[in-house]
Protein backbone atom coordinates (compact mmCIF):
# COMPACT_ATOMS: atom_id res chain seq x y z
CA UNK A 1 -13.28 -9.75 22.33
CA UNK A 2 -14.04 -12.14 19.49
CA UNK A 3 -11.24 -13.92 17.68
CA UNK A 4 -12.12 -12.00 14.49
CA UNK A 5 -11.77 -8.70 16.33
CA UNK A 6 -8.37 -9.81 17.68
CA UNK A 7 -7.31 -10.64 14.10
CA UNK A 8 -8.52 -7.25 12.85
CA UNK A 9 -6.58 -5.49 15.61
CA UNK A 10 -3.44 -7.53 14.84
CA UNK A 11 -3.60 -6.84 11.09
CA UNK A 12 -3.99 -3.08 11.63
CA UNK A 13 -1.17 -3.10 14.20
CA UNK A 14 1.09 -5.02 11.78
CA UNK A 15 0.35 -2.59 8.96
CA UNK A 16 1.05 0.51 11.04
CA UNK A 17 4.30 -1.02 12.32
CA UNK A 18 5.39 -1.77 8.75
CA UNK A 19 4.47 1.76 7.64
CA UNK A 20 6.38 3.29 10.57
CA UNK A 21 9.49 1.45 9.38
CA UNK A 22 8.83 2.68 5.83
CA UNK A 23 8.49 6.26 7.09
CA UNK A 24 11.87 5.96 8.81
CA UNK A 25 13.51 4.90 5.54
CA UNK A 26 13.32 1.13 6.03
CA UNK A 27 11.35 -0.63 3.30
CA UNK A 28 12.27 -4.06 4.67
CA UNK A 29 9.20 -3.97 6.94
CA UNK A 30 7.10 -4.83 3.91
CA UNK A 31 9.66 -7.26 2.51
CA UNK A 32 9.86 -9.07 5.86
CA UNK A 33 6.08 -9.56 5.80
CA UNK A 34 5.78 -10.60 2.14
CA UNK A 35 5.73 -14.26 1.18
CA UNK A 36 8.32 -15.27 -1.44
CA UNK A 37 5.80 -15.30 -4.30
CA UNK A 38 3.88 -12.17 -3.27
CA UNK A 39 2.05 -10.29 -5.99
CA UNK A 40 2.65 -6.55 -5.92
CA UNK A 41 0.84 -3.82 -7.88
CA UNK A 42 1.95 -0.20 -7.84
CA UNK A 43 1.06 2.68 -10.19
CA UNK A 44 4.77 3.39 -10.63
CA UNK A 45 5.52 0.09 -12.36
CA UNK A 46 4.32 -1.02 -15.80
CA UNK A 47 3.33 -4.53 -14.74
CA UNK A 48 2.74 -6.55 -11.60
CA UNK A 49 5.69 -7.97 -9.66
CA UNK A 50 5.30 -11.65 -8.79
CA UNK A 51 7.92 -12.18 -6.12
CA UNK A 52 9.41 -10.63 -3.03
CA UNK A 53 12.76 -10.49 -4.83
CA UNK A 54 11.30 -8.47 -7.72
CA UNK A 55 9.86 -5.98 -5.22
CA UNK A 56 13.21 -5.72 -3.42
CA UNK A 57 15.09 -5.11 -6.68
CA UNK A 58 12.62 -2.34 -7.51
CA UNK A 59 12.65 -0.65 -4.11
CA UNK A 60 16.37 -0.61 -3.35
CA UNK A 61 17.37 1.85 -6.09
CA UNK A 62 14.06 3.76 -6.15
CA UNK A 63 13.31 4.37 -2.46
CA UNK A 64 13.12 8.18 -1.92
CA UNK A 65 12.24 8.37 1.76
CA UNK A 66 15.77 8.21 3.16
CA UNK A 67 16.44 11.65 1.72
CA UNK A 68 12.89 13.00 2.14
CA UNK A 69 11.36 11.37 5.23
CA UNK A 70 7.67 10.85 5.80
CA UNK A 71 6.91 12.83 8.92
CA UNK A 72 3.20 12.13 9.24
CA UNK A 73 0.82 9.41 8.09
CA UNK A 74 -2.95 9.63 8.23
CA UNK A 75 -5.09 6.49 7.83
CA UNK A 76 -8.67 6.66 6.58
CA UNK A 77 -11.42 4.11 5.95
CA UNK A 78 -9.54 1.17 7.46
CA UNK A 79 -11.39 -2.09 7.05
CA UNK A 80 -10.32 -5.67 7.61
CA UNK A 81 -12.45 -8.54 6.35
CA UNK A 82 -11.53 -11.86 7.97
CA UNK A 83 -12.32 -15.17 6.28
CA UNK A 84 -14.66 -17.62 8.01
CA UNK A 85 -11.69 -19.94 8.53
CA UNK A 86 -9.85 -17.04 10.19
CA UNK A 87 -6.70 -17.76 8.18
CA UNK A 88 -7.07 -14.99 5.56
CA UNK A 89 -7.75 -11.29 5.92
CA UNK A 90 -8.11 -8.43 3.46
CA UNK A 91 -7.09 -4.99 4.67
CA UNK A 92 -8.11 -1.87 2.77
CA UNK A 93 -7.45 1.73 3.69
CA UNK A 94 -6.53 5.15 2.38
CA UNK A 95 -3.16 6.62 3.33
CA UNK A 96 -2.11 10.25 3.28
CA UNK A 97 1.60 10.75 3.88
CA UNK A 98 3.41 14.04 4.42
CA UNK A 99 7.10 14.44 3.52
CA UNK A 100 9.63 16.96 4.71
CA UNK A 101 12.06 18.69 2.42
CA UNK A 102 15.59 19.76 3.33
CA UNK A 103 14.28 23.27 4.02
CA UNK A 104 11.91 21.83 6.65
CA UNK A 105 8.78 22.41 4.59
CA UNK A 106 6.18 19.65 5.01
CA UNK A 107 4.10 18.70 1.97
CA UNK A 108 1.32 16.12 1.50
CA UNK A 109 1.79 13.35 -1.05
CA UNK A 110 -1.16 12.16 -3.15
CA UNK A 111 -3.76 10.07 -1.34
CA UNK A 112 -3.23 6.31 -1.71
CA UNK A 113 -5.63 3.39 -1.86
CA UNK A 114 -4.08 0.27 -0.34
CA UNK A 115 -5.23 -3.33 -0.39
CA UNK A 116 -3.24 -6.00 1.41
CA UNK A 117 -4.23 -9.64 1.47
CA UNK A 118 -2.87 -11.39 4.55
CA UNK A 119 -2.68 -15.12 5.17
CA UNK A 120 -1.93 -16.84 8.45
CA UNK A 121 1.14 -18.99 7.74
CA UNK A 122 2.79 -20.99 10.54
CA UNK A 123 1.26 -18.67 13.15
CA UNK A 124 2.31 -15.42 11.40
CA UNK A 125 0.21 -13.01 9.36
CA UNK A 126 2.04 -12.65 6.03
CA UNK A 127 1.18 -10.49 3.02
CA UNK A 128 0.40 -12.55 -0.08
CA UNK A 129 -0.85 -9.65 -2.24
CA UNK A 130 -0.21 -5.90 -2.07
CA UNK A 131 -1.97 -3.35 -4.30
CA UNK A 132 -1.31 0.39 -4.24
CA UNK A 133 -3.06 2.97 -6.38
CA UNK A 134 -3.60 6.70 -6.27
CA UNK A 135 -6.99 7.73 -4.98
CA UNK A 136 -7.13 10.99 -6.89
CA UNK A 137 -5.33 11.57 -10.16
CA UNK A 138 -6.99 14.53 -11.90
CA UNK A 139 -4.81 14.27 -15.02
CA UNK A 140 -5.73 10.62 -15.47
CA UNK A 141 -9.42 11.30 -14.94
CA UNK A 142 -9.30 14.12 -17.53
CA UNK A 143 -7.64 11.72 -19.95
CA UNK A 144 -10.35 9.08 -19.42
CA UNK A 145 -13.08 11.71 -19.81
CA UNK A 146 -11.45 12.88 -23.07
CA UNK A 147 -11.53 9.31 -24.39
CA UNK A 148 -15.23 8.96 -23.61
CA UNK A 149 -15.93 12.38 -25.15
CA UNK A 150 -14.09 11.28 -28.31
CA UNK A 151 -16.06 8.05 -28.43
CA UNK A 152 -19.33 9.96 -27.97
CA UNK A 153 -18.48 12.13 -31.01
CA UNK A 154 -18.14 8.98 -33.13
CA UNK A 155 -21.74 7.91 -32.45
């Protein structure tokens, strides 16, 4: 196995381990892997966070998965691109989580796009940038289409 393939395998393993902790109600998996000045983008926040501490302060009061656990995660389109120096890696994937309500009913959450930029720091793969977005937001797409339709009327 090439060194790049070993890095790819390690990054994917790290990510799934972090997500397993998240699914069990422990968001510190991500925090433990973030560098202090991580940049973090999420559709639920109005601007980008620029530190691990900002992410922690956001997650602690807003973390819903202790009450409604994620019972299943499906990963799609996983890809890791490793730098030539083998000290940086970019992971992208789609994530479909399913949560369980108090009545036992399991429901899918919207599909996510995820991008994580990892850097090898002192022998550990650490996340230096994390970007989450929704893969499919019909209301947003309708809004964008309405804007273009309005602009087309002006011409």
